[in-house]
Amino acid sequence: MEQQFKITPGQYELLNILSCVNKEDDVAALKSVIVQFLNSRLQIELEKRWEDGTITEEKMTAWSKEHMRTPYK
């Protein structure tokens, strides 16, 4: 059975923009900009969680010791 995915309006908009990008250098530059954007959003969200107490020093220590790999059979 083939899995179908729905494209969000944001994804559709990015696909339209990317249809004009043909050079490898441009793709790399665009990827860098997108990564910076997502990093900025993540930092803002993490700061909110830190300020409201959702994320604490104790939780971060616990996370660093978690084994989260997928078990292989």
Protein backbone atom coordinates (compact mmCIF):
# COMPACT_ATOMS: atom_id res chain seq x y z
CA MET A 1 0.00 0.00 0.00
CA GLU A 2 1.39 3.37 -0.99
CA GLN A 3 1.45 6.05 1.70
CA GLN A 4 0.07 9.46 0.75
CA PHE A 5 1.22 12.73 2.27
CA LYS A 6 -0.62 16.03 2.33
CA ILE A 7 1.40 19.12 1.55
CA THR A 8 0.86 22.07 3.86
CA PRO A 9 0.44 25.58 2.44
CA GLY A 10 3.93 26.43 3.69
CA GLN A 11 5.45 23.42 1.96
CA TYR A 12 3.63 24.29 -1.24
CA GLU A 13 4.97 27.83 -1.11
CA LEU A 14 8.53 26.57 -0.58
CA LEU A 15 8.19 24.16 -3.50
CA ASN A 16 7.12 27.04 -5.74
CA ILE A 17 10.12 29.08 -4.64
CA LEU A 18 12.50 26.14 -5.00
CA SER A 19 11.38 25.48 -8.56
CA CYS A 20 13.44 28.54 -9.53
CA VAL A 21 16.60 27.40 -7.71
CA ASN A 22 18.85 25.47 -10.09
CA LYS A 23 22.40 25.98 -8.86
CA GLU A 24 23.92 23.81 -6.17
CA ASP A 25 25.41 26.86 -4.45
CA ASP A 26 21.98 28.49 -4.28
CA VAL A 27 20.46 25.36 -2.78
CA ALA A 28 23.20 25.27 -0.12
CA ALA A 29 22.69 28.96 0.68
CA LEU A 30 18.93 28.53 0.92
CA LYS A 31 19.35 25.49 3.17
CA SER A 32 21.57 27.55 5.44
CA VAL A 33 18.97 30.31 5.70
CA ILE A 34 16.22 27.80 6.50
CA VAL A 35 18.36 26.13 9.18
CA GLN A 36 19.07 29.54 10.77
CA PHE A 37 15.34 30.35 10.73
CA LEU A 38 14.40 27.04 12.37
CA ASN A 39 17.19 27.40 14.93
CA SER A 40 15.91 30.86 15.85
CA ARG A 41 12.37 29.53 16.35
CA LEU A 42 13.66 26.62 18.42
CA GLN A 43 15.71 28.93 20.65
CA ILE A 44 12.64 31.10 21.31
CA GLU A 45 10.55 28.04 22.20
CA LEU A 46 13.26 26.61 24.47
CA GLU A 47 13.58 29.93 26.30
CA LYS A 48 9.81 29.96 26.90
CA ARG A 49 9.96 26.42 28.29
CA TRP A 50 12.92 27.32 30.51
CA GLU A 51 11.14 30.40 31.89
CA ASP A 52 7.88 28.57 32.62
CA GLY A 53 9.74 25.71 34.33
CA THR A 54 8.87 23.02 31.79
CA ILE A 55 12.59 22.51 31.15
CA THR A 56 14.88 22.46 34.18
CA GLU A 57 18.51 21.66 34.87
CA GLU A 58 17.42 18.31 36.32
CA LYS A 59 15.45 17.40 33.19
CA MET A 60 18.38 18.31 30.96
CA THR A 61 20.67 16.09 33.03
CA ALA A 62 18.16 13.23 32.81
CA TRP A 63 17.85 13.69 29.04
CA SER A 64 21.61 13.54 28.63
CA LYS A 65 21.61 10.08 30.23
CA GLU A 66 18.66 8.65 28.25
CA HIS A 67 19.26 5.93 25.73
CA MET A 68 16.98 6.87 22.84
CA ARG A 69 18.28 4.71 20.01
CA THR A 70 15.91 2.56 18.04
CA PRO A 71 16.44 -1.09 18.96
CA TYR A 72 17.36 -3.22 15.97
CA LYS A 73 16.26 -6.83 15.69
